[in-house]
C-alpha atoms as a PDB file:
ATOM      1  CA  MET A   1     -26.987 128.971  41.820  1.00  0.00           C
ATOM      2  CA  LYS A   2     -28.573 126.549  39.789  1.00  0.00           C
ATOM      3  CA  PRO A   3     -32.065 126.095  40.195  1.00  0.00           C
ATOM      4  CA  VAL A   4     -33.090 122.906  42.620  1.00  0.00           C
ATOM      5  CA  SER A   5     -35.199 120.961  40.428  1.00  0.00           C
ATOM      6  CA  GLU A   6     -37.144 122.518  37.376  1.00  0.00           C
ATOM      7  CA  HIS A   7     -40.258 120.210  38.070  1.00  0.00           C
ATOM      8  CA  ILE A   8     -41.059 117.963  40.490  1.00  0.00           C
ATOM      9  CA  PRO A   9     -44.497 115.996  39.727  1.00  0.00           C
ATOM     10  CA  GLY A  10     -47.104 116.241  41.982  1.00  0.00           C
ATOM     11  CA  TYR A  11     -45.987 119.663  42.940  1.00  0.00           C
ATOM     12  CA  SER A  12     -47.730 122.850  41.318  1.00  0.00           C
ATOM     13  CA  TYR A  13     -45.473 125.284  43.101  1.00  0.00           C
ATOM     14  CA  GLY A  14     -45.501 128.770  41.490  1.00  0.00           C
ATOM     15  CA  THR A  15     -49.085 127.999  39.846  1.00  0.00           C
ATOM     16  CA  ALA A  16     -52.796 129.271  39.945  1.00  0.00           C
ATOM     17  CA  GLN A  17     -53.646 125.677  41.740  1.00  0.00           C
ATOM     18  CA  VAL A  18     -51.863 126.876  45.058  1.00  0.00           C
ATOM     19  CA  ALA A  19     -53.357 129.061  47.298  1.00  0.00           C
ATOM     20  CA  PRO A  20     -51.924 132.456  47.976  1.00  0.00           C
ATOM     21  CA  SER A  21     -49.903 132.259  51.608  1.00  0.00           C
ATOM     22  CA  PRO A  22     -52.236 132.936  54.653  1.00  0.00           C
ATOM     23  CA  VAL A  23     -48.589 134.477  55.797  1.00  0.00           C
ATOM     24  CA  SER A  24     -47.506 137.569  54.486  1.00  0.00           C
ATOM     25  CA  MET A  25     -43.847 138.502  53.849  1.00  0.00           C
ATOM     26  CA  ARG A  26     -43.440 140.567  57.011  1.00  0.00           C
ATOM     27  CA  GLU A  27     -44.743 137.922  59.044  1.00  0.00           C
ATOM     28  CA  LEU A  28     -42.243 135.406  57.440  1.00  0.00           C
ATOM     29  CA  GLU A  29     -39.434 138.021  57.754  1.00  0.00           C
ATOM     30  CA  GLU A  30     -39.987 138.450  61.544  1.00  0.00           C
ATOM     31  CA  LEU A  31     -40.567 134.714  61.958  1.00  0.00           C
ATOM     32  CA  LYS A  32     -37.328 133.978  60.380  1.00  0.00           C
ATOM     33  CA  ILE A  33     -36.039 136.622  63.275  1.00  0.00           C
ATOM     34  CA  SER A  34     -37.650 135.163  65.884  1.00  0.00           C
ATOM     35  CA  ALA A  35     -36.359 131.613  64.771  1.00  0.00           C
ATOM     36  CA  GLY A  36     -32.970 132.940  64.235  1.00  0.00           C
ATOM     37  CA  PHE A  37     -33.060 132.044  61.216  1.00  0.00           C
ATOM     38  CA  THR A  38     -30.089 134.299  59.473  1.00  0.00           C
ATOM     39  CA  GLU A  39     -29.037 134.015  55.712  1.00  0.00           C
ATOM     40  CA  GLU A  40     -25.966 131.994  56.820  1.00  0.00           C
ATOM     41  CA  ASP A  41     -29.136 129.232  57.313  1.00  0.00           C
ATOM     42  CA  GLU A  42     -30.558 130.232  54.047  1.00  0.00           C
ATOM     43  CA  ARG A  43     -27.440 129.402  51.759  1.00  0.00           C
ATOM     44  CA  TYR A  44     -26.796 126.349  53.584  1.00  0.00           C
ATOM     45  CA  LEU A  45     -30.631 125.314  52.657  1.00  0.00           C
ATOM     46  CA  ARG A  46     -29.743 126.085  49.249  1.00  0.00           C
ATOM     47  CA  LEU A  47     -26.667 124.756  49.163  1.00  0.00           C
ATOM     48  CA  ALA A  48     -28.242 121.380  50.143  1.00  0.00           C
ATOM     49  CA  GLY A  49     -31.081 121.182  47.132  1.00  0.00           C
ATOM     50  CA  GLU A  50     -28.576 121.849  45.223  1.00  0.00           C
ATOM     51  CA  MET A  51     -26.473 118.660  45.806  1.00  0.00           C
ATOM     52  CA  LEU A  52     -29.853 116.647  46.691  1.00  0.00           C
ATOM     53  CA  ALA A  53     -31.521 117.964  43.450  1.00  0.00           C
ATOM     54  CA  ASP A  54     -31.119 115.001  41.408  1.00  0.00           C
ATOM     55  CA  GLN A  55     -31.734 112.650  43.929  1.00  0.00           C
ATOM     56  CA  THR A  56     -35.446 113.401  44.515  1.00  0.00           C
ATOM     57  CA  LYS A  57     -37.160 110.599  43.596  1.00  0.00           C
ATOM     58  CA  TRP A  58     -34.585 108.552  45.983  1.00  0.00           C
ATOM     59  CA  CYS A  59     -35.738 111.084  48.713  1.00  0.00           C
ATOM     60  CA  LYS A  60     -39.665 110.287  47.578  1.00  0.00           C
ATOM     61  CA  SER A  61     -38.748 106.595  47.693  1.00  0.00           C
ATOM     62  CA  ILE A  62     -37.225 106.611  51.289  1.00  0.00           C
ATOM     63  CA  GLN A  63     -39.810 109.102  52.336  1.00  0.00           C
ATOM     64  CA  LEU A  64     -42.848 106.639  51.569  1.00  0.00           C
ATOM     65  CA  GLN A  65     -41.044 103.312  53.051  1.00  0.00           C
ATOM     66  CA  LEU A  66     -41.069 105.123  56.068  1.00  0.00           C
ATOM     67  CA  VAL A  67     -44.240 106.234  55.897  1.00  0.00           C
ATOM     68  CA  LEU A  68     -45.837 102.803  55.203  1.00  0.00           C
ATOM     69  CA  TRP A  69     -43.369 101.561  57.865  1.00  0.00           C
ATOM     70  CA  VAL A  70     -44.935 103.671  60.442  1.00  0.00           C
ATOM     71  CA  HIS A  71     -48.617 103.244  58.698  1.00  0.00           C
ATOM     72  CA  PRO A  72     -48.850 100.027  57.311  1.00  0.00           C
ATOM     73  CA  TYR A  73     -52.590 100.283  57.206  1.00  0.00           C
ATOM     74  CA  MET A  74     -51.514 103.007  54.041  1.00  0.00           C
ATOM     75  CA  GLU A  75     -50.011 100.231  51.982  1.00  0.00           C
ATOM     76  CA  ALA A  76     -52.968  99.177  49.778  1.00  0.00           C
ATOM     77  CA  GLY A  77     -53.208 103.008  48.762  1.00  0.00           C
ATOM     78  CA  LYS A  78     -49.350 103.215  47.838  1.00  0.00           C
ATOM     79  CA  ALA A  79     -50.126 101.598  44.707  1.00  0.00           C
ATOM     80  CA  ALA A  80     -52.730 104.762  43.353  1.00  0.00           C
ATOM     81  CA  THR A  81     -48.747 107.167  44.553  1.00  0.00           C
ATOM     82  CA  GLU A  82     -46.998 105.203  42.113  1.00  0.00           C
END
């Protein structure tokens, strides 16, 4: 399975800049059980990530357009994200 992305600008996952999760691995596993999240779900989620890996810039653009459509007052700050 290939990695979803080597680097996504603006995200620092896996670095010291990111605070540790307040949720323990045991709690995460319990939450997955409570939500009915299975190994099959995880497999399909990873497949979706692989399929969309080269579309992250497009997805971010669409997300920004939707945010600006719902919250038009944020348009003034849009230039700072580009």
